[in-house]
Amino acid sequence: MRNKIHLTGSWFIRAPQKDVFNLITDFENMPKYFPKVAKEVNIVKRDGNKLSIQAKVKSFGRIFRL
């Protein structure tokens, strides 16, 4: 079994809620919007409003596959 890491964060963003929601749920473009963190994001399954994704992210100088 893999070790699990759970990270949470909070940000105050001065923008309309709809704009923020549209940005953070545009998973396929996250590498464009957040290039220092999201290296690769692929949607592997869609079921209504539920998505399964595979991603390669960078945090604390290390690359992780999710």
N, C-alpha and C. Protein backbone atom coordinates (compact mmCIF):
# COMPACT_ATOMS: atom_id res chain seq x y z
N MET A 1 0.83 -1.18 0.00
CA MET A 1 0.00 0.00 0.00
C MET A 1 0.88 1.25 0.00
N ARG A 2 0.50 2.22 -0.79
CA ARG A 2 1.25 3.47 -0.85
C ARG A 2 0.98 4.33 0.37
N ASN A 3 1.98 5.09 0.75
CA ASN A 3 1.76 6.11 1.79
C ASN A 3 0.95 7.23 1.17
N LYS A 4 0.03 7.77 1.92
CA LYS A 4 -0.81 8.86 1.42
C LYS A 4 -0.39 10.17 2.05
N ILE A 5 -0.43 11.21 1.23
CA ILE A 5 -0.16 12.56 1.69
C ILE A 5 -1.42 13.37 1.45
N HIS A 6 -1.86 14.10 2.44
CA HIS A 6 -3.05 14.94 2.30
C HIS A 6 -2.62 16.38 2.56
N LEU A 7 -2.79 17.23 1.55
CA LEU A 7 -2.43 18.64 1.67
C LEU A 7 -3.69 19.49 1.54
N THR A 8 -3.78 20.52 2.33
CA THR A 8 -4.88 21.47 2.19
C THR A 8 -4.29 22.88 2.22
N GLY A 9 -5.04 23.80 1.67
CA GLY A 9 -4.59 25.19 1.67
C GLY A 9 -5.78 26.12 1.54
N SER A 10 -5.54 27.37 1.83
CA SER A 10 -6.58 28.40 1.70
C SER A 10 -5.97 29.63 1.05
N TRP A 11 -6.75 30.25 0.20
CA TRP A 11 -6.33 31.49 -0.45
C TRP A 11 -7.51 32.44 -0.47
N PHE A 12 -7.23 33.71 -0.34
CA PHE A 12 -8.24 34.75 -0.54
C PHE A 12 -8.00 35.32 -1.93
N ILE A 13 -9.00 35.23 -2.78
CA ILE A 13 -8.86 35.64 -4.17
C ILE A 13 -9.89 36.72 -4.46
N ARG A 14 -9.42 37.83 -4.98
CA ARG A 14 -10.31 38.94 -5.33
C ARG A 14 -10.76 38.77 -6.77
N ALA A 15 -11.76 37.94 -6.95
CA ALA A 15 -12.33 37.67 -8.28
C ALA A 15 -13.72 37.09 -8.07
N PRO A 16 -14.57 37.20 -9.07
CA PRO A 16 -15.90 36.59 -8.95
C PRO A 16 -15.78 35.08 -8.74
N GLN A 17 -16.63 34.54 -7.88
CA GLN A 17 -16.60 33.11 -7.55
C GLN A 17 -16.71 32.25 -8.80
N LYS A 18 -17.55 32.63 -9.74
CA LYS A 18 -17.73 31.86 -10.97
C LYS A 18 -16.42 31.76 -11.76
N ASP A 19 -15.67 32.87 -11.84
CA ASP A 19 -14.40 32.86 -12.57
C ASP A 19 -13.38 31.95 -11.90
N VAL A 20 -13.32 32.00 -10.57
CA VAL A 20 -12.39 31.14 -9.83
C VAL A 20 -12.77 29.68 -10.01
N PHE A 21 -14.06 29.36 -9.89
CA PHE A 21 -14.52 27.98 -10.06
C PHE A 21 -14.18 27.47 -11.45
N ASN A 22 -14.43 28.27 -12.48
CA ASN A 22 -14.13 27.85 -13.85
C ASN A 22 -12.64 27.59 -14.04
N LEU A 23 -11.80 28.38 -13.42
CA LEU A 23 -10.36 28.20 -13.54
C LEU A 23 -9.89 26.93 -12.84
N ILE A 24 -10.32 26.73 -11.59
CA ILE A 24 -9.79 25.59 -10.83
C ILE A 24 -10.42 24.26 -11.22
N THR A 25 -11.48 24.28 -12.01
CA THR A 25 -12.07 23.03 -12.49
C THR A 25 -11.72 22.75 -13.95
N ASP A 26 -10.86 23.55 -14.52
CA ASP A 26 -10.38 23.33 -15.89
C ASP A 26 -9.10 22.51 -15.80
N PHE A 27 -9.25 21.25 -15.41
CA PHE A 27 -8.11 20.39 -15.10
C PHE A 27 -7.13 20.24 -16.25
N GLU A 28 -7.63 20.09 -17.46
CA GLU A 28 -6.74 19.87 -18.61
C GLU A 28 -5.82 21.06 -18.87
N ASN A 29 -6.21 22.25 -18.45
CA ASN A 29 -5.37 23.44 -18.65
C ASN A 29 -4.60 23.86 -17.41
N MET A 30 -4.63 23.07 -16.36
CA MET A 30 -3.89 23.44 -15.15
C MET A 30 -2.39 23.63 -15.40
N PRO A 31 -1.74 22.82 -16.26
CA PRO A 31 -0.32 23.09 -16.51
C PRO A 31 -0.09 24.48 -17.11
N LYS A 32 -1.05 24.99 -17.86
CA LYS A 32 -0.93 26.34 -18.43
C LYS A 32 -1.13 27.40 -17.35
N TYR A 33 -2.12 27.20 -16.48
CA TYR A 33 -2.43 28.18 -15.44
C TYR A 33 -1.48 28.12 -14.25
N PHE A 34 -1.01 26.92 -13.92
CA PHE A 34 -0.15 26.71 -12.75
C PHE A 34 1.10 25.92 -13.14
N PRO A 35 1.96 26.48 -14.01
CA PRO A 35 3.10 25.71 -14.54
C PRO A 35 4.14 25.29 -13.51
N LYS A 36 4.22 25.97 -12.38
CA LYS A 36 5.20 25.58 -11.36
C LYS A 36 4.73 24.41 -10.53
N VAL A 37 3.44 24.09 -10.60
CA VAL A 37 2.88 23.01 -9.78
C VAL A 37 2.36 21.87 -10.65
N ALA A 38 1.49 22.16 -11.59
CA ALA A 38 0.87 21.13 -12.43
C ALA A 38 1.72 20.90 -13.67
N LYS A 39 2.36 19.76 -13.74
CA LYS A 39 3.21 19.44 -14.88
C LYS A 39 2.44 18.75 -15.99
N GLU A 40 1.46 17.94 -15.61
CA GLU A 40 0.68 17.17 -16.59
C GLU A 40 -0.62 16.74 -15.93
N VAL A 41 -1.74 16.93 -16.62
CA VAL A 41 -3.04 16.50 -16.10
C VAL A 41 -3.84 15.90 -17.24
N ASN A 42 -4.32 14.68 -17.05
CA ASN A 42 -5.13 13.99 -18.06
C ASN A 42 -6.40 13.46 -17.42
N ILE A 43 -7.51 13.71 -18.07
CA ILE A 43 -8.78 13.14 -17.62
C ILE A 43 -8.88 11.74 -18.21
N VAL A 44 -9.02 10.73 -17.36
CA VAL A 44 -9.07 9.35 -17.83
C VAL A 44 -10.49 8.79 -17.84
N LYS A 45 -11.42 9.45 -17.12
CA LYS A 45 -12.80 8.98 -17.10
C LYS A 45 -13.72 10.13 -16.71
N ARG A 46 -14.86 10.19 -17.40
CA ARG A 46 -15.90 11.17 -17.06
C ARG A 46 -17.18 10.40 -16.77
N ASP A 47 -17.85 10.76 -15.68
CA ASP A 47 -19.13 10.16 -15.32
C ASP A 47 -20.00 11.27 -14.76
N GLY A 48 -20.76 11.91 -15.64
CA GLY A 48 -21.55 13.07 -15.22
C GLY A 48 -20.62 14.20 -14.83
N ASN A 49 -20.75 14.69 -13.60
CA ASN A 49 -19.86 15.76 -13.15
C ASN A 49 -18.69 15.23 -12.33
N LYS A 50 -18.45 13.91 -12.38
CA LYS A 50 -17.32 13.31 -11.68
C LYS A 50 -16.23 12.98 -12.70
N LEU A 51 -15.00 13.29 -12.33
CA LEU A 51 -13.86 13.03 -13.20
C LEU A 51 -12.84 12.18 -12.47
N SER A 52 -12.18 11.31 -13.21
CA SER A 52 -11.00 10.62 -12.71
C SER A 52 -9.84 11.18 -13.51
N ILE A 53 -8.80 11.62 -12.81
CA ILE A 53 -7.66 12.21 -13.51
C ILE A 53 -6.38 11.51 -13.11
N GLN A 54 -5.39 11.61 -13.99
CA GLN A 54 -4.02 11.24 -13.68
C GLN A 54 -3.23 12.53 -13.82
N ALA A 55 -2.32 12.76 -12.90
CA ALA A 55 -1.58 14.02 -12.94
C ALA A 55 -0.14 13.82 -12.48
N LYS A 56 0.70 14.70 -12.96
CA LYS A 56 2.08 14.79 -12.49
C LYS A 56 2.22 16.21 -11.94
N VAL A 57 2.52 16.31 -10.65
CA VAL A 57 2.60 17.61 -9.99
C VAL A 57 3.95 17.77 -9.30
N LYS A 58 4.31 19.02 -9.07
CA LYS A 58 5.57 19.30 -8.38
C LYS A 58 5.26 20.02 -7.08
N SER A 59 5.85 19.53 -6.01
CA SER A 59 5.67 20.15 -4.70
C SER A 59 6.93 19.93 -3.88
N PHE A 60 7.38 20.96 -3.21
CA PHE A 60 8.58 20.88 -2.38
C PHE A 60 9.78 20.35 -3.18
N GLY A 61 9.84 20.72 -4.47
CA GLY A 61 10.96 20.33 -5.31
C GLY A 61 10.92 18.90 -5.83
N ARG A 62 9.85 18.19 -5.57
CA ARG A 62 9.75 16.79 -6.03
C ARG A 62 8.56 16.64 -6.96
N ILE A 63 8.68 15.69 -7.89
CA ILE A 63 7.60 15.38 -8.83
C ILE A 63 6.82 14.19 -8.28
N PHE A 64 5.50 14.30 -8.28
CA PHE A 64 4.61 13.24 -7.81
C PHE A 64 3.63 12.88 -8.91
N ARG A 65 3.33 11.60 -9.06
CA ARG A 65 2.27 11.15 -9.97
C ARG A 65 1.04 10.84 -9.13
N LEU A 66 -0.09 11.38 -9.55
CA LEU A 66 -1.35 11.18 -8.83
C LEU A 66 -2.31 10.41 -9.70
